[in-house]
Amino acid sequence: MVTELLMGFDEQTLAYDLQRAHSADIWFIRARFFIWGVTSTVGGFLVGHALSTIGGINLYSMAWNGFWEMWYGLW
């Protein structure tokens, strides 16, 4: 009763607010993970395609040429 008068809330209200804050924290962690996951994936694809466009590392071409070199090396 004294804490209600001094602080403006009781134990039930405090427990409910802490539970809601915890759920919100988990939601923000999931949202942050999703946003950074999508951002880093799209950024990685953009960097990879930019490298092949400017004549740097072209993984598709290297894999394709390596496959044919291995194929002709077998015969």
N, C-alpha and C. Protein backbone atom coordinates (compact mmCIF):
# COMPACT_ATOMS: atom_id res chain seq x y z
N MET A 1 0.81 -1.19 0.00
CA MET A 1 0.00 0.00 0.00
C MET A 1 0.86 1.26 0.00
N VAL A 2 1.96 1.21 0.73
CA VAL A 2 2.84 2.38 0.78
C VAL A 2 3.51 2.60 -0.57
N THR A 3 3.96 1.51 -1.22
CA THR A 3 4.60 1.66 -2.53
C THR A 3 3.62 2.19 -3.57
N GLU A 4 2.37 1.79 -3.47
CA GLU A 4 1.36 2.34 -4.39
C GLU A 4 1.24 3.84 -4.22
N LEU A 5 1.25 4.28 -2.99
CA LEU A 5 1.10 5.71 -2.73
C LEU A 5 2.36 6.48 -3.13
N LEU A 6 3.53 5.92 -2.86
CA LEU A 6 4.77 6.63 -3.15
C LEU A 6 5.16 6.54 -4.63
N MET A 7 5.06 5.36 -5.21
CA MET A 7 5.56 5.14 -6.57
C MET A 7 4.48 5.26 -7.64
N GLY A 8 3.24 4.97 -7.30
CA GLY A 8 2.17 5.07 -8.29
C GLY A 8 1.84 3.76 -8.96
N PHE A 9 2.44 2.66 -8.54
CA PHE A 9 2.10 1.35 -9.10
C PHE A 9 2.30 0.29 -8.03
N ASP A 10 1.69 -0.86 -8.26
CA ASP A 10 1.83 -1.96 -7.31
C ASP A 10 2.64 -3.08 -7.96
N GLU A 11 2.82 -4.19 -7.26
CA GLU A 11 3.64 -5.29 -7.76
C GLU A 11 3.04 -5.94 -8.99
N GLN A 12 1.73 -6.03 -9.05
CA GLN A 12 1.08 -6.64 -10.22
C GLN A 12 1.35 -5.81 -11.48
N THR A 13 1.23 -4.53 -11.36
CA THR A 13 1.48 -3.65 -12.51
C THR A 13 2.94 -3.70 -12.92
N LEU A 14 3.84 -3.73 -11.96
CA LEU A 14 5.27 -3.81 -12.25
C LEU A 14 5.60 -5.10 -12.97
N ALA A 15 5.07 -6.24 -12.50
CA ALA A 15 5.33 -7.52 -13.14
C ALA A 15 4.80 -7.55 -14.56
N TYR A 16 3.63 -6.99 -14.77
CA TYR A 16 3.04 -6.94 -16.12
C TYR A 16 3.89 -6.08 -17.05
N ASP A 17 4.33 -4.94 -16.57
CA ASP A 17 5.16 -4.05 -17.39
C ASP A 17 6.49 -4.70 -17.73
N LEU A 18 7.11 -5.40 -16.79
CA LEU A 18 8.37 -6.07 -17.06
C LEU A 18 8.19 -7.19 -18.08
N GLN A 19 7.07 -7.89 -18.00
CA GLN A 19 6.80 -8.96 -18.96
C GLN A 19 6.62 -8.38 -20.36
N ARG A 20 5.91 -7.29 -20.47
CA ARG A 20 5.72 -6.66 -21.78
C ARG A 20 7.03 -6.12 -22.32
N ALA A 21 7.86 -5.55 -21.47
CA ALA A 21 9.15 -5.03 -21.92
C ALA A 21 10.03 -6.16 -22.43
N HIS A 22 9.97 -7.30 -21.77
CA HIS A 22 10.78 -8.43 -22.21
C HIS A 22 10.33 -8.90 -23.59
N SER A 23 9.04 -8.99 -23.83
CA SER A 23 8.53 -9.39 -25.13
C SER A 23 8.93 -8.38 -26.20
N ALA A 24 8.88 -7.12 -25.87
CA ALA A 24 9.28 -6.09 -26.82
C ALA A 24 10.77 -6.18 -27.12
N ASP A 25 11.58 -6.46 -26.11
CA ASP A 25 13.02 -6.61 -26.34
C ASP A 25 13.30 -7.76 -27.30
N ILE A 26 12.62 -8.88 -27.11
CA ILE A 26 12.82 -10.03 -28.00
C ILE A 26 12.38 -9.68 -29.41
N TRP A 27 11.26 -8.96 -29.54
CA TRP A 27 10.81 -8.57 -30.87
C TRP A 27 11.82 -7.67 -31.55
N PHE A 28 12.40 -6.71 -30.81
CA PHE A 28 13.39 -5.82 -31.40
C PHE A 28 14.67 -6.56 -31.77
N ILE A 29 15.05 -7.56 -30.99
CA ILE A 29 16.22 -8.36 -31.35
C ILE A 29 15.96 -9.12 -32.64
N ARG A 30 14.78 -9.71 -32.76
CA ARG A 30 14.44 -10.43 -33.99
C ARG A 30 14.37 -9.48 -35.18
N ALA A 31 13.77 -8.32 -34.99
CA ALA A 31 13.67 -7.36 -36.08
C ALA A 31 15.05 -6.88 -36.50
N ARG A 32 15.91 -6.61 -35.53
CA ARG A 32 17.27 -6.16 -35.86
C ARG A 32 18.04 -7.25 -36.60
N PHE A 33 17.89 -8.51 -36.17
CA PHE A 33 18.54 -9.62 -36.86
C PHE A 33 18.04 -9.73 -38.29
N PHE A 34 16.73 -9.62 -38.49
CA PHE A 34 16.16 -9.72 -39.82
C PHE A 34 16.65 -8.59 -40.72
N ILE A 35 16.63 -7.36 -40.21
CA ILE A 35 17.06 -6.22 -41.02
C ILE A 35 18.53 -6.32 -41.39
N TRP A 36 19.39 -6.64 -40.42
CA TRP A 36 20.81 -6.75 -40.73
C TRP A 36 21.10 -7.97 -41.60
N GLY A 37 20.35 -9.04 -41.43
CA GLY A 37 20.53 -10.22 -42.28
C GLY A 37 20.20 -9.92 -43.73
N VAL A 38 19.09 -9.26 -43.96
CA VAL A 38 18.70 -8.90 -45.33
C VAL A 38 19.68 -7.89 -45.91
N THR A 39 20.07 -6.90 -45.12
CA THR A 39 21.00 -5.88 -45.60
C THR A 39 22.35 -6.49 -45.98
N SER A 40 22.89 -7.35 -45.13
CA SER A 40 24.20 -7.94 -45.43
C SER A 40 24.13 -8.91 -46.60
N THR A 41 23.01 -9.64 -46.74
CA THR A 41 22.88 -10.56 -47.88
C THR A 41 22.80 -9.79 -49.19
N VAL A 42 21.97 -8.77 -49.24
CA VAL A 42 21.85 -7.97 -50.46
C VAL A 42 23.17 -7.26 -50.75
N GLY A 43 23.81 -6.73 -49.72
CA GLY A 43 25.11 -6.08 -49.92
C GLY A 43 26.16 -7.05 -50.43
N GLY A 44 26.17 -8.27 -49.92
CA GLY A 44 27.12 -9.27 -50.40
C GLY A 44 26.90 -9.63 -51.86
N PHE A 45 25.64 -9.78 -52.25
CA PHE A 45 25.35 -10.05 -53.66
C PHE A 45 25.77 -8.88 -54.54
N LEU A 46 25.52 -7.65 -54.09
CA LEU A 46 25.90 -6.50 -54.89
C LEU A 46 27.42 -6.40 -55.05
N VAL A 47 28.15 -6.65 -53.99
CA VAL A 47 29.61 -6.61 -54.07
C VAL A 47 30.12 -7.72 -54.98
N GLY A 48 29.55 -8.91 -54.87
CA GLY A 48 29.98 -10.02 -55.72
C GLY A 48 29.73 -9.76 -57.20
N HIS A 49 28.59 -9.19 -57.52
CA HIS A 49 28.30 -8.90 -58.92
C HIS A 49 29.11 -7.70 -59.41
N ALA A 50 29.40 -6.76 -58.54
CA ALA A 50 30.24 -5.63 -58.95
C ALA A 50 31.66 -6.10 -59.25
N LEU A 51 32.17 -7.04 -58.46
CA LEU A 51 33.52 -7.55 -58.73
C LEU A 51 33.60 -8.22 -60.09
N SER A 52 32.59 -8.97 -60.45
CA SER A 52 32.63 -9.63 -61.76
C SER A 52 32.41 -8.63 -62.89
N THR A 53 31.66 -7.57 -62.65
CA THR A 53 31.40 -6.57 -63.68
C THR A 53 32.65 -5.77 -64.01
N ILE A 54 33.44 -5.42 -63.01
CA ILE A 54 34.63 -4.61 -63.27
C ILE A 54 35.83 -5.45 -63.67
N GLY A 55 35.63 -6.75 -63.85
CA GLY A 55 36.71 -7.60 -64.33
C GLY A 55 37.54 -8.19 -63.21
N GLY A 56 37.05 -8.17 -62.04
CA GLY A 56 37.77 -8.75 -60.91
C GLY A 56 37.51 -10.24 -60.82
N ILE A 57 37.04 -10.68 -59.71
CA ILE A 57 36.81 -12.10 -59.47
C ILE A 57 35.43 -12.46 -60.03
N ASN A 58 35.39 -13.41 -60.94
CA ASN A 58 34.13 -13.89 -61.49
C ASN A 58 34.00 -15.36 -61.14
N LEU A 59 33.29 -15.64 -60.05
CA LEU A 59 33.20 -17.01 -59.55
C LEU A 59 32.48 -17.93 -60.50
N TYR A 60 31.45 -17.44 -61.18
CA TYR A 60 30.71 -18.30 -62.11
C TYR A 60 31.60 -18.74 -63.26
N SER A 61 32.33 -17.81 -63.82
CA SER A 61 33.23 -18.13 -64.93
C SER A 61 34.35 -19.05 -64.47
N MET A 62 34.90 -18.79 -63.30
CA MET A 62 35.97 -19.64 -62.78
C MET A 62 35.48 -21.06 -62.54
N ALA A 63 34.29 -21.21 -62.01
CA ALA A 63 33.74 -22.54 -61.75
C ALA A 63 33.46 -23.27 -63.06
N TRP A 64 32.90 -22.55 -64.04
CA TRP A 64 32.59 -23.17 -65.32
C TRP A 64 33.86 -23.62 -66.05
N ASN A 65 34.87 -22.74 -66.08
CA ASN A 65 36.14 -23.10 -66.72
C ASN A 65 36.84 -24.23 -65.97
N GLY A 66 36.76 -24.22 -64.66
CA GLY A 66 37.35 -25.31 -63.88
C GLY A 66 36.68 -26.64 -64.14
N PHE A 67 35.36 -26.61 -64.32
CA PHE A 67 34.63 -27.84 -64.64
C PHE A 67 35.11 -28.41 -65.97
N TRP A 68 35.25 -27.56 -67.00
CA TRP A 68 35.67 -28.06 -68.30
C TRP A 68 37.12 -28.50 -68.30
N GLU A 69 37.98 -27.82 -67.54
CA GLU A 69 39.37 -28.27 -67.43
C GLU A 69 39.46 -29.62 -66.75
N MET A 70 38.64 -29.84 -65.73
CA MET A 70 38.62 -31.14 -65.08
C MET A 70 38.07 -32.20 -66.01
N TRP A 71 37.03 -31.84 -66.78
CA TRP A 71 36.42 -32.80 -67.71
C TRP A 71 37.40 -33.24 -68.78
N TYR A 72 38.12 -32.28 -69.39
CA TYR A 72 39.08 -32.62 -70.42
C TYR A 72 40.33 -33.27 -69.82
N GLY A 73 40.61 -33.01 -68.56
CA GLY A 73 41.75 -33.65 -67.91
C GLY A 73 41.51 -35.12 -67.65
N LEU A 74 40.25 -35.53 -67.57
CA LEU A 74 39.94 -36.94 -67.37
C LEU A 74 40.22 -37.78 -68.61
N TRP A 75 40.13 -37.16 -69.81
CA TRP A 75 40.32 -37.92 -71.05
C TRP A 75 41.65 -37.72 -71.57
